[in-house]
PDB file of N, CA and C in Angstrom:
ATOM      1  N   MET A   1     -19.051   2.483 -11.626  1.00  0.00           N
ATOM      2  CA  MET A   1     -18.476   1.603 -10.619  1.00  0.00           C
ATOM      3  C   MET A   1     -17.781   0.433 -11.306  1.00  0.00           C
ATOM      4  N   THR A   2     -16.564   0.151 -10.859  1.00  0.00           N
ATOM      5  CA  THR A   2     -15.784  -0.933 -11.440  1.00  0.00           C
ATOM      6  C   THR A   2     -16.162  -2.245 -10.760  1.00  0.00           C
ATOM      7  N   THR A   3     -16.364  -3.269 -11.561  1.00  0.00           N
ATOM      8  CA  THR A   3     -16.648  -4.593 -11.017  1.00  0.00           C
ATOM      9  C   THR A   3     -15.394  -5.440 -11.130  1.00  0.00           C
ATOM     10  N   TYR A   4     -15.003  -6.055 -10.029  1.00  0.00           N
ATOM     11  CA  TYR A   4     -13.817  -6.911 -10.016  1.00  0.00           C
ATOM     12  C   TYR A   4     -14.241  -8.368  -9.997  1.00  0.00           C
ATOM     13  N   PRO A   5     -13.369  -9.250 -10.508  1.00  0.00           N
ATOM     14  CA  PRO A   5     -13.671 -10.683 -10.382  1.00  0.00           C
ATOM     15  C   PRO A   5     -13.779 -11.033  -8.901  1.00  0.00           C
ATOM     16  N   ALA A   6     -14.482 -12.076  -8.592  1.00  0.00           N
ATOM     17  CA  ALA A   6     -14.705 -12.449  -7.197  1.00  0.00           C
ATOM     18  C   ALA A   6     -13.816 -13.621  -6.785  1.00  0.00           C
ATOM     19  N   TYR A   7     -13.554 -13.692  -5.497  1.00  0.00           N
ATOM     20  CA  TYR A   7     -12.880 -14.861  -4.936  1.00  0.00           C
ATOM     21  C   TYR A   7     -13.969 -15.807  -4.438  1.00  0.00           C
ATOM     22  N   THR A   8     -13.575 -17.013  -4.084  1.00  0.00           N
ATOM     23  CA  THR A   8     -14.516 -18.012  -3.590  1.00  0.00           C
ATOM     24  C   THR A   8     -14.159 -18.373  -2.155  1.00  0.00           C
ATOM     25  N   ASP A   9     -15.130 -18.324  -1.260  1.00  0.00           N
ATOM     26  CA  ASP A   9     -14.917 -18.771   0.125  1.00  0.00           C
ATOM     27  C   ASP A   9     -14.854 -20.286   0.155  1.00  0.00           C
ATOM     28  N   ILE A  10     -13.894 -20.818   0.920  1.00  0.00           N
ATOM     29  CA  ILE A  10     -13.771 -22.270   1.063  1.00  0.00           C
ATOM     30  C   ILE A  10     -13.647 -22.633   2.540  1.00  0.00           C
ATOM     31  N   SER A  11     -13.839 -23.925   2.826  1.00  0.00           N
ATOM     32  CA  SER A  11     -13.674 -24.451   4.187  1.00  0.00           C
ATOM     33  C   SER A  11     -12.308 -25.125   4.284  1.00  0.00           C
ATOM     34  N   LEU A  12     -11.945 -25.533   5.498  1.00  0.00           N
ATOM     35  CA  LEU A  12     -10.687 -26.264   5.691  1.00  0.00           C
ATOM     36  C   LEU A  12     -10.660 -27.567   4.903  1.00  0.00           C
ATOM     37  N   THR A  13     -11.790 -28.239   4.802  1.00  0.00           N
ATOM     38  CA  THR A  13     -11.862 -29.478   4.027  1.00  0.00           C
ATOM     39  C   THR A  13     -11.557 -29.188   2.558  1.00  0.00           C
ATOM     40  N   ASP A  14     -12.129 -28.116   2.033  1.00  0.00           N
ATOM     41  CA  ASP A  14     -11.863 -27.708   0.650  1.00  0.00           C
ATOM     42  C   ASP A  14     -10.378 -27.390   0.458  1.00  0.00           C
ATOM     43  N   LEU A  15      -9.788 -26.719   1.448  1.00  0.00           N
ATOM     44  CA  LEU A  15      -8.381 -26.319   1.372  1.00  0.00           C
ATOM     45  C   LEU A  15      -7.492 -27.524   1.118  1.00  0.00           C
ATOM     46  N   GLU A  16      -7.703 -28.580   1.862  1.00  0.00           N
ATOM     47  CA  GLU A  16      -6.855 -29.763   1.719  1.00  0.00           C
ATOM     48  C   GLU A  16      -6.926 -30.344   0.312  1.00  0.00           C
ATOM     49  N   ALA A  17      -8.100 -30.363  -0.286  1.00  0.00           N
ATOM     50  CA  ALA A  17      -8.251 -30.893  -1.645  1.00  0.00           C
ATOM     51  C   ALA A  17      -7.657 -29.931  -2.680  1.00  0.00           C
ATOM     52  N   LEU A  18      -7.924 -28.636  -2.531  1.00  0.00           N
ATOM     53  CA  LEU A  18      -7.466 -27.649  -3.514  1.00  0.00           C
ATOM     54  C   LEU A  18      -5.952 -27.512  -3.547  1.00  0.00           C
ATOM     55  N   ARG A  19      -5.303 -27.658  -2.393  1.00  0.00           N
ATOM     56  CA  ARG A  19      -3.851 -27.470  -2.363  1.00  0.00           C
ATOM     57  C   ARG A  19      -3.120 -28.575  -3.107  1.00  0.00           C
ATOM     58  N   GLU A  20      -3.820 -29.677  -3.411  1.00  0.00           N
ATOM     59  CA  GLU A  20      -3.219 -30.782  -4.158  1.00  0.00           C
ATOM     60  C   GLU A  20      -3.190 -30.530  -5.662  1.00  0.00           C
ATOM     61  N   GLN A  21      -3.897 -29.526  -6.140  1.00  0.00           N
ATOM     62  CA  GLN A  21      -3.927 -29.235  -7.578  1.00  0.00           C
ATOM     63  C   GLN A  21      -2.552 -28.777  -8.050  1.00  0.00           C
ATOM     64  N   PRO A  22      -2.193 -29.173  -9.277  1.00  0.00           N
ATOM     65  CA  PRO A  22      -0.907 -28.700  -9.816  1.00  0.00           C
ATOM     66  C   PRO A  22      -0.921 -27.171  -9.874  1.00  0.00           C
ATOM     67  N   ASN A  23       0.185 -26.558  -9.528  1.00  0.00           N
ATOM     68  CA  ASN A  23       0.363 -25.095  -9.561  1.00  0.00           C
ATOM     69  C   ASN A  23      -0.417 -24.339  -8.487  1.00  0.00           C
ATOM     70  N   ALA A  24      -1.090 -25.040  -7.572  1.00  0.00           N
ATOM     71  CA  ALA A  24      -1.798 -24.363  -6.477  1.00  0.00           C
ATOM     72  C   ALA A  24      -0.780 -23.852  -5.460  1.00  0.00           C
ATOM     73  N   VAL A  25      -1.120 -22.764  -4.796  1.00  0.00           N
ATOM     74  CA  VAL A  25      -0.284 -22.251  -3.719  1.00  0.00           C
ATOM     75  C   VAL A  25      -1.183 -21.767  -2.590  1.00  0.00           C
ATOM     76  N   VAL A  26      -0.751 -22.057  -1.355  1.00  0.00           N
ATOM     77  CA  VAL A  26      -1.406 -21.531  -0.164  1.00  0.00           C
ATOM     78  C   VAL A  26      -0.575 -20.331   0.278  1.00  0.00           C
ATOM     79  N   VAL A  27      -1.238 -19.190   0.457  1.00  0.00           N
ATOM     80  CA  VAL A  27      -0.555 -17.964   0.874  1.00  0.00           C
ATOM     81  C   VAL A  27      -1.101 -17.555   2.232  1.00  0.00           C
ATOM     82  N   ASP A  28      -0.245 -17.620   3.234  1.00  0.00           N
ATOM     83  CA  ASP A  28      -0.597 -17.236   4.602  1.00  0.00           C
ATOM     84  C   ASP A  28      -0.213 -15.768   4.763  1.00  0.00           C
ATOM     85  N   VAL A  29      -1.202 -14.887   4.960  1.00  0.00           N
ATOM     86  CA  VAL A  29      -0.934 -13.444   5.004  1.00  0.00           C
ATOM     87  C   VAL A  29      -0.753 -12.904   6.424  1.00  0.00           C
ATOM     88  N   ARG A  30      -0.540 -13.807   7.371  1.00  0.00           N
ATOM     89  CA  ARG A  30      -0.267 -13.363   8.742  1.00  0.00           C
ATOM     90  C   ARG A  30       1.179 -12.871   8.848  1.00  0.00           C
ATOM     91  N   ASP A  31       1.500 -12.177   9.945  1.00  0.00           N
ATOM     92  CA  ASP A  31       2.853 -11.705  10.183  1.00  0.00           C
ATOM     93  C   ASP A  31       3.801 -12.894  10.353  1.00  0.00           C
ATOM     94  N   ASP A  32       5.092 -12.641  10.125  1.00  0.00           N
ATOM     95  CA  ASP A  32       6.101 -13.698  10.199  1.00  0.00           C
ATOM     96  C   ASP A  32       6.038 -14.464  11.520  1.00  0.00           C
ATOM     97  N   TRP A  33       5.951 -13.738  12.632  1.00  0.00           N
ATOM     98  CA  TRP A  33       5.961 -14.404  13.944  1.00  0.00           C
ATOM     99  C   TRP A  33       4.756 -15.317  14.120  1.00  0.00           C
ATOM    100  N   GLU A  34       3.602 -14.938  13.566  1.00  0.00           N
ATOM    101  CA  GLU A  34       2.410 -15.781  13.665  1.00  0.00           C
ATOM    102  C   GLU A  34       2.604 -17.064  12.860  1.00  0.00           C
ATOM    103  N   PHE A  35       3.189 -16.925  11.677  1.00  0.00           N
ATOM    104  CA  PHE A  35       3.444 -18.074  10.807  1.00  0.00           C
ATOM    105  C   PHE A  35       4.417 -19.039  11.481  1.00  0.00           C
ATOM    106  N   GLU A  36       5.462 -18.478  12.116  1.00  0.00           N
ATOM    107  CA  GLU A  36       6.456 -19.322  12.795  1.00  0.00           C
ATOM    108  C   GLU A  36       5.843 -20.067  13.976  1.00  0.00           C
ATOM    109  N   GLU A  37       4.886 -19.439  14.644  1.00  0.00           N
ATOM    110  CA  GLU A  37       4.241 -20.037  15.807  1.00  0.00           C
ATOM    111  C   GLU A  37       3.363 -21.232  15.428  1.00  0.00           C
ATOM    112  N   PHE A  38       2.605 -21.096  14.338  1.00  0.00           N
ATOM    113  CA  PHE A  38       1.717 -22.160  13.865  1.00  0.00           C
ATOM    114  C   PHE A  38       1.330 -21.863  12.429  1.00  0.00           C
ATOM    115  N   ASN A  39       1.397 -22.875  11.568  1.00  0.00           N
ATOM    116  CA  ASN A  39       0.979 -22.652  10.185  1.00  0.00           C
ATOM    117  C   ASN A  39       0.507 -23.948   9.545  1.00  0.00           C
ATOM    118  N   LEU A  40      -0.167 -23.793   8.413  1.00  0.00           N
ATOM    119  CA  LEU A  40      -0.656 -24.930   7.631  1.00  0.00           C
ATOM    120  C   LEU A  40       0.202 -25.146   6.391  1.00  0.00           C
ATOM    121  N   GLY A  41       1.387 -24.528   6.367  1.00  0.00           N
ATOM    122  CA  GLY A  41       2.260 -24.640   5.213  1.00  0.00           C
ATOM    123  C   GLY A  41       1.993 -23.547   4.207  1.00  0.00           C
ATOM    124  N   GLY A  42       2.681 -23.613   3.085  1.00  0.00           N
ATOM    125  CA  GLY A  42       2.523 -22.620   2.040  1.00  0.00           C
ATOM    126  C   GLY A  42       3.508 -21.473   2.183  1.00  0.00           C
ATOM    127  N   LEU A  43       3.265 -20.434   1.431  1.00  0.00           N
ATOM    128  CA  LEU A  43       4.099 -19.234   1.466  1.00  0.00           C
ATOM    129  C   LEU A  43       3.603 -18.291   2.547  1.00  0.00           C
ATOM    130  N   ASN A  44       4.536 -17.668   3.246  1.00  0.00           N
ATOM    131  CA  ASN A  44       4.163 -16.638   4.212  1.00  0.00           C
ATOM    132  C   ASN A  44       4.466 -15.288   3.577  1.00  0.00           C
ATOM    133  N   ILE A  45       3.411 -14.583   3.184  1.00  0.00           N
ATOM    134  CA  ILE A  45       3.547 -13.222   2.652  1.00  0.00           C
ATOM    135  C   ILE A  45       2.602 -12.348   3.472  1.00  0.00           C
ATOM    136  N   PRO A  46       3.152 -11.635   4.481  1.00  0.00           N
ATOM    137  CA  PRO A  46       2.293 -10.792   5.315  1.00  0.00           C
ATOM    138  C   PRO A  46       1.451  -9.839   4.469  1.00  0.00           C
ATOM    139  N   LEU A  47       0.251  -9.548   4.941  1.00  0.00           N
ATOM    140  CA  LEU A  47      -0.675  -8.686   4.209  1.00  0.00           C
ATOM    141  C   LEU A  47      -0.013  -7.389   3.755  1.00  0.00           C
ATOM    142  N   ALA A  48       0.801  -6.789   4.608  1.00  0.00           N
ATOM    143  CA  ALA A  48       1.461  -5.517   4.262  1.00  0.00           C
ATOM    144  C   ALA A  48       2.387  -5.650   3.053  1.00  0.00           C
ATOM    145  N   ASP A  49       2.843  -6.874   2.756  1.00  0.00           N
ATOM    146  CA  ASP A  49       3.787  -7.108   1.655  1.00  0.00           C
ATOM    147  C   ASP A  49       3.134  -7.704   0.412  1.00  0.00           C
ATOM    148  N   ILE A  50       1.829  -7.920   0.441  1.00  0.00           N
ATOM    149  CA  ILE A  50       1.171  -8.686  -0.634  1.00  0.00           C
ATOM    150  C   ILE A  50       1.345  -8.025  -2.008  1.00  0.00           C
ATOM    151  N   ARG A  51       1.312  -6.707  -2.073  1.00  0.00           N
ATOM    152  CA  ARG A  51       1.486  -6.040  -3.380  1.00  0.00           C
ATOM    153  C   ARG A  51       2.928  -6.088  -3.852  1.00  0.00           C
ATOM    154  N   THR A  52       3.873  -5.833  -2.956  1.00  0.00           N
ATOM    155  CA  THR A  52       5.273  -5.792  -3.373  1.00  0.00           C
ATOM    156  C   THR A  52       5.809  -7.180  -3.716  1.00  0.00           C
ATOM    157  N   ARG A  53       5.201  -8.225  -3.186  1.00  0.00           N
ATOM    158  CA  ARG A  53       5.677  -9.594  -3.447  1.00  0.00           C
ATOM    159  C   ARG A  53       4.749 -10.379  -4.372  1.00  0.00           C
ATOM    160  N   ARG A  54       3.822  -9.693  -5.043  1.00  0.00           N
ATOM    161  CA  ARG A  54       2.844 -10.403  -5.861  1.00  0.00           C
ATOM    162  C   ARG A  54       3.461 -11.191  -7.006  1.00  0.00           C
ATOM    163  N   ALA A  55       4.636 -10.790  -7.482  1.00  0.00           N
ATOM    164  CA  ALA A  55       5.292 -11.523  -8.580  1.00  0.00           C
ATOM    165  C   ALA A  55       5.553 -12.978  -8.192  1.00  0.00           C
ATOM    166  N   GLU A  56       5.748 -13.248  -6.894  1.00  0.00           N
ATOM    167  CA  GLU A  56       5.970 -14.621  -6.423  1.00  0.00           C
ATOM    168  C   GLU A  56       4.742 -15.507  -6.662  1.00  0.00           C
ATOM    169  N   LEU A  57       3.581 -14.873  -6.796  1.00  0.00           N
ATOM    170  CA  LEU A  57       2.337 -15.627  -6.951  1.00  0.00           C
ATOM    171  C   LEU A  57       1.933 -15.834  -8.410  1.00  0.00           C
ATOM    172  N   LEU A  58       2.536 -15.098  -9.317  1.00  0.00           N
ATOM    173  CA  LEU A  58       2.123 -15.162 -10.718  1.00  0.00           C
ATOM    174  C   LEU A  58       2.175 -16.558 -11.345  1.00  0.00           C
ATOM    175  N   PRO A  59       3.171 -17.404 -11.018  1.00  0.00           N
ATOM    176  CA  PRO A  59       3.196 -18.731 -11.642  1.00  0.00           C
ATOM    177  C   PRO A  59       2.088 -19.669 -11.135  1.00  0.00           C
ATOM    178  N   HIS A  60       1.399 -19.271 -10.084  1.00  0.00           N
ATOM    179  CA  HIS A  60       0.446 -20.165  -9.430  1.00  0.00           C
ATOM    180  C   HIS A  60      -1.004 -19.899  -9.824  1.00  0.00           C
ATOM    181  N   ASN A  61      -1.779 -20.972  -9.881  1.00  0.00           N
ATOM    182  CA  ASN A  61      -3.221 -20.902 -10.093  1.00  0.00           C
ATOM    183  C   ASN A  61      -3.774 -22.292  -9.801  1.00  0.00           C
ATOM    184  N   PRO A  62      -4.619 -22.429  -8.810  1.00  0.00           N
ATOM    185  CA  PRO A  62      -5.266 -21.401  -7.995  1.00  0.00           C
ATOM    186  C   PRO A  62      -4.367 -20.867  -6.878  1.00  0.00           C
ATOM    187  N   ILE A  63      -4.810 -19.739  -6.315  1.00  0.00           N
ATOM    188  CA  ILE A  63      -4.156 -19.118  -5.169  1.00  0.00           C
ATOM    189  C   ILE A  63      -5.144 -19.200  -4.008  1.00  0.00           C
ATOM    190  N   ILE A  64      -4.686 -19.787  -2.899  1.00  0.00           N
ATOM    191  CA  ILE A  64      -5.540 -19.969  -1.716  1.00  0.00           C
ATOM    192  C   ILE A  64      -4.984 -19.081  -0.616  1.00  0.00           C
ATOM    193  N   VAL A  65      -5.752 -18.090  -0.187  1.00  0.00           N
ATOM    194  CA  VAL A  65      -5.285 -17.108   0.789  1.00  0.00           C
ATOM    195  C   VAL A  65      -5.876 -17.431   2.159  1.00  0.00           C
ATOM    196  N   ILE A  66      -4.991 -17.496   3.174  1.00  0.00           N
ATOM    197  CA  ILE A  66      -5.440 -17.829   4.531  1.00  0.00           C
ATOM    198  C   ILE A  66      -4.841 -16.869   5.560  1.00  0.00           C
ATOM    199  N   CYS A  67      -5.500 -16.788   6.727  1.00  0.00           N
ATOM    200  CA  CYS A  67      -4.977 -16.042   7.874  1.00  0.00           C
ATOM    201  C   CYS A  67      -5.600 -16.634   9.137  1.00  0.00           C
ATOM    202  N   THR A  68      -5.494 -15.933  10.242  1.00  0.00           N
ATOM    203  CA  THR A  68      -5.986 -16.455  11.516  1.00  0.00           C
ATOM    204  C   THR A  68      -7.495 -16.647  11.536  1.00  0.00           C
ATOM    205  N   ASN A  69      -8.246 -15.572  11.221  1.00  0.00           N
ATOM    206  CA  ASN A  69      -9.703 -15.656  11.338  1.00  0.00           C
ATOM    207  C   ASN A  69     -10.454 -15.262  10.068  1.00  0.00           C
ATOM    208  N   GLY A  70      -9.736 -15.054   8.973  1.00  0.00           N
ATOM    209  CA  GLY A  70     -10.379 -14.761   7.700  1.00  0.00           C
ATOM    210  C   GLY A  70     -10.474 -13.297   7.325  1.00  0.00           C
ATOM    211  N   VAL A  71     -10.091 -12.390   8.218  1.00  0.00           N
ATOM    212  CA  VAL A  71     -10.216 -10.959   7.928  1.00  0.00           C
ATOM    213  C   VAL A  71      -9.108 -10.491   6.983  1.00  0.00           C
ATOM    214  N   ARG A  72      -7.858 -10.733   7.355  1.00  0.00           N
ATOM    215  CA  ARG A  72      -6.736 -10.287   6.502  1.00  0.00           C
ATOM    216  C   ARG A  72      -6.716 -11.020   5.166  1.00  0.00           C
ATOM    217  N   SER A  73      -7.071 -12.302   5.172  1.00  0.00           N
ATOM    218  CA  SER A  73      -7.056 -13.045   3.907  1.00  0.00           C
ATOM    219  C   SER A  73      -8.130 -12.528   2.954  1.00  0.00           C
ATOM    220  N   ARG A  74      -9.249 -12.075   3.479  1.00  0.00           N
ATOM    221  CA  ARG A  74     -10.297 -11.495   2.626  1.00  0.00           C
ATOM    222  C   ARG A  74      -9.782 -10.210   1.980  1.00  0.00           C
ATOM    223  N   VAL A  75      -9.100  -9.374   2.761  1.00  0.00           N
ATOM    224  CA  VAL A  75      -8.517  -8.137   2.231  1.00  0.00           C
ATOM    225  C   VAL A  75      -7.485  -8.476   1.145  1.00  0.00           C
ATOM    226  N   ALA A  76      -6.647  -9.466   1.396  1.00  0.00           N
ATOM    227  CA  ALA A  76      -5.614  -9.857   0.435  1.00  0.00           C
ATOM    228  C   ALA A  76      -6.231 -10.397  -0.849  1.00  0.00           C
ATOM    229  N   ALA A  77      -7.255 -11.232  -0.732  1.00  0.00           N
ATOM    230  CA  ALA A  77      -7.918 -11.793  -1.915  1.00  0.00           C
ATOM    231  C   ALA A  77      -8.507 -10.678  -2.774  1.00  0.00           C
ATOM    232  N   LYS A  78      -9.181  -9.725  -2.137  1.00  0.00           N
ATOM    233  CA  LYS A  78      -9.767  -8.602  -2.876  1.00  0.00           C
ATOM    234  C   LYS A  78      -8.678  -7.768  -3.535  1.00  0.00           C
ATOM    235  N   ASP A  79      -7.588  -7.536  -2.819  1.00  0.00           N
ATOM    236  CA  ASP A  79      -6.496  -6.726  -3.349  1.00  0.00           C
ATOM    237  C   ASP A  79      -5.848  -7.402  -4.558  1.00  0.00           C
ATOM    238  N   LEU A  80      -5.604  -8.701  -4.468  1.00  0.00           N
ATOM    239  CA  LEU A  80      -5.006  -9.415  -5.603  1.00  0.00           C
ATOM    240  C   LEU A  80      -5.902  -9.316  -6.829  1.00  0.00           C
ATOM    241  N   LEU A  81      -7.189  -9.471  -6.631  1.00  0.00           N
ATOM    242  CA  LEU A  81      -8.114  -9.439  -7.764  1.00  0.00           C
ATOM    243  C   LEU A  81      -8.222  -8.055  -8.413  1.00  0.00           C
ATOM    244  N   ARG A  82      -7.787  -7.022  -7.717  1.00  0.00           N
ATOM    245  CA  ARG A  82      -7.774  -5.672  -8.292  1.00  0.00           C
ATOM    246  C   ARG A  82      -6.574  -5.481  -9.226  1.00  0.00           C
ATOM    247  N   GLN A  83      -5.595  -6.373  -9.132  1.00  0.00           N
ATOM    248  CA  GLN A  83      -4.400  -6.290  -9.981  1.00  0.00           C
ATOM    249  C   GLN A  83      -4.697  -7.013 -11.291  1.00  0.00           C
ATOM    250  N   SER A  84      -4.445  -6.353 -12.405  1.00  0.00           N
ATOM    251  CA  SER A  84      -4.823  -6.908 -13.707  1.00  0.00           C
ATOM    252  C   SER A  84      -4.209  -8.279 -13.977  1.00  0.00           C
ATOM    253  N   GLU A  85      -2.995  -8.523 -13.487  1.00  0.00           N
ATOM    254  CA  GLU A  85      -2.343  -9.808 -13.759  1.00  0.00           C
ATOM    255  C   GLU A  85      -3.002 -10.977 -13.023  1.00  0.00           C
ATOM    256  N   PHE A  86      -3.888 -10.684 -12.078  1.00  0.00           N
ATOM    257  CA  PHE A  86      -4.576 -11.743 -11.338  1.00  0.00           C
ATOM    258  C   PHE A  86      -6.044 -11.894 -11.749  1.00  0.00           C
ATOM    259  N   ALA A  87      -6.485 -11.090 -12.691  1.00  0.00           N
ATOM    260  CA  ALA A  87      -7.901 -11.075 -13.078  1.00  0.00           C
ATOM    261  C   ALA A  87      -8.393 -12.436 -13.579  1.00  0.00           C
ATOM    262  N   LYS A  88      -7.525 -13.205 -14.206  1.00  0.00           N
ATOM    263  CA  LYS A  88      -7.933 -14.499 -14.751  1.00  0.00           C
ATOM    264  C   LYS A  88      -7.558 -15.672 -13.838  1.00  0.00           C
ATOM    265  N   LYS A  89      -7.026 -15.376 -12.681  1.00  0.00           N
ATOM    266  CA  LYS A  89      -6.638 -16.428 -11.733  1.00  0.00           C
ATOM    267  C   LYS A  89      -7.833 -16.810 -10.860  1.00  0.00           C
ATOM    268  N   THR A  90      -7.791 -18.031 -10.358  1.00  0.00           N
ATOM    269  CA  THR A  90      -8.802 -18.491  -9.414  1.00  0.00           C
ATOM    270  C   THR A  90      -8.263 -18.241  -8.017  1.00  0.00           C
ATOM    271  N   ILE A  91      -8.975 -17.440  -7.241  1.00  0.00           N
ATOM    272  CA  ILE A  91      -8.538 -17.088  -5.890  1.00  0.00           C
ATOM    273  C   ILE A  91      -9.553 -17.621  -4.889  1.00  0.00           C
ATOM    274  N   TYR A  92      -9.028 -18.356  -3.915  1.00  0.00           N
ATOM    275  CA  TYR A  92      -9.858 -18.901  -2.842  1.00  0.00           C
ATOM    276  C   TYR A  92      -9.477 -18.229  -1.533  1.00  0.00           C
ATOM    277  N   HIS A  93     -10.449 -18.090  -0.675  1.00  0.00           N
ATOM    278  CA  HIS A  93     -10.281 -17.464   0.649  1.00  0.00           C
ATOM    279  C   HIS A  93     -10.780 -18.447   1.689  1.00  0.00           C
ATOM    280  N   LEU A  94      -9.931 -18.760   2.678  1.00  0.00           N
ATOM    281  CA  LEU A  94     -10.331 -19.686   3.746  1.00  0.00           C
ATOM    282  C   LEU A  94     -11.252 -18.965   4.715  1.00  0.00           C
ATOM    283  N   HIS A  95     -12.545 -19.227   4.582  1.00  0.00           N
ATOM    284  CA  HIS A  95     -13.564 -18.585   5.410  1.00  0.00           C
ATOM    285  C   HIS A  95     -13.403 -19.025   6.861  1.00  0.00           C
ATOM    286  N   GLY A  96     -13.304 -18.062   7.778  1.00  0.00           N
ATOM    287  CA  GLY A  96     -13.146 -18.388   9.190  1.00  0.00           C
ATOM    288  C   GLY A  96     -11.702 -18.561   9.603  1.00  0.00           C
ATOM    289  N   GLY A  97     -10.799 -18.640   8.644  1.00  0.00           N
ATOM    290  CA  GLY A  97      -9.371 -18.713   8.937  1.00  0.00           C
ATOM    291  C   GLY A  97      -8.924 -20.033   9.560  1.00  0.00           C
ATOM    292  N   ILE A  98      -7.649 -20.050   9.961  1.00  0.00           N
ATOM    293  CA  ILE A  98      -7.072 -21.287  10.479  1.00  0.00           C
ATOM    294  C   ILE A  98      -7.506 -21.593  11.909  1.00  0.00           C
ATOM    295  N   VAL A  99      -8.121 -20.634  12.605  1.00  0.00           N
ATOM    296  CA  VAL A  99      -8.582 -20.930  13.956  1.00  0.00           C
ATOM    297  C   VAL A  99      -9.634 -22.033  13.932  1.00  0.00           C
ATOM    298  N   GLU A 100     -10.278 -22.202  12.800  1.00  0.00           N
ATOM    299  CA  GLU A 100     -11.254 -23.275  12.656  1.00  0.00           C
ATOM    300  C   GLU A 100     -10.584 -24.647  12.759  1.00  0.00           C
ATOM    301  N   SER A 101      -9.261 -24.684  12.492  1.00  0.00           N
ATOM    302  CA  SER A 101      -8.559 -25.973  12.441  1.00  0.00           C
ATOM    303  C   SER A 101      -7.957 -26.366  13.778  1.00  0.00           C
ATOM    304  N   GLU A 102      -7.838 -25.432  14.704  1.00  0.00           N
ATOM    305  CA  GLU A 102      -7.140 -25.739  15.961  1.00  0.00           C
ATOM    306  C   GLU A 102      -8.040 -26.464  16.944  1.00  0.00           C
TER     307      GLU A 102
END
């Protein structure tokens, strides 16, 4: 069985502090229309596109992945960590998603 590096669950309070770090990026993995309707900023890379657009994330560390309720962002965080180029990156997942902020 292969063991992958782990991501770290964070809260909205943590998100605000972490996004201030140099080279940090917030990645919203919701669909375009959801991002346009309401967002917390950052890059919008829908979950379906996360692998094909991963090169956009390579310059960043840490990477903070968010979505509506935490389900898609958890999938995205796990998927990124399976890619060898992200193995040494710090990946955070917004536990509970952005609905916690509304």
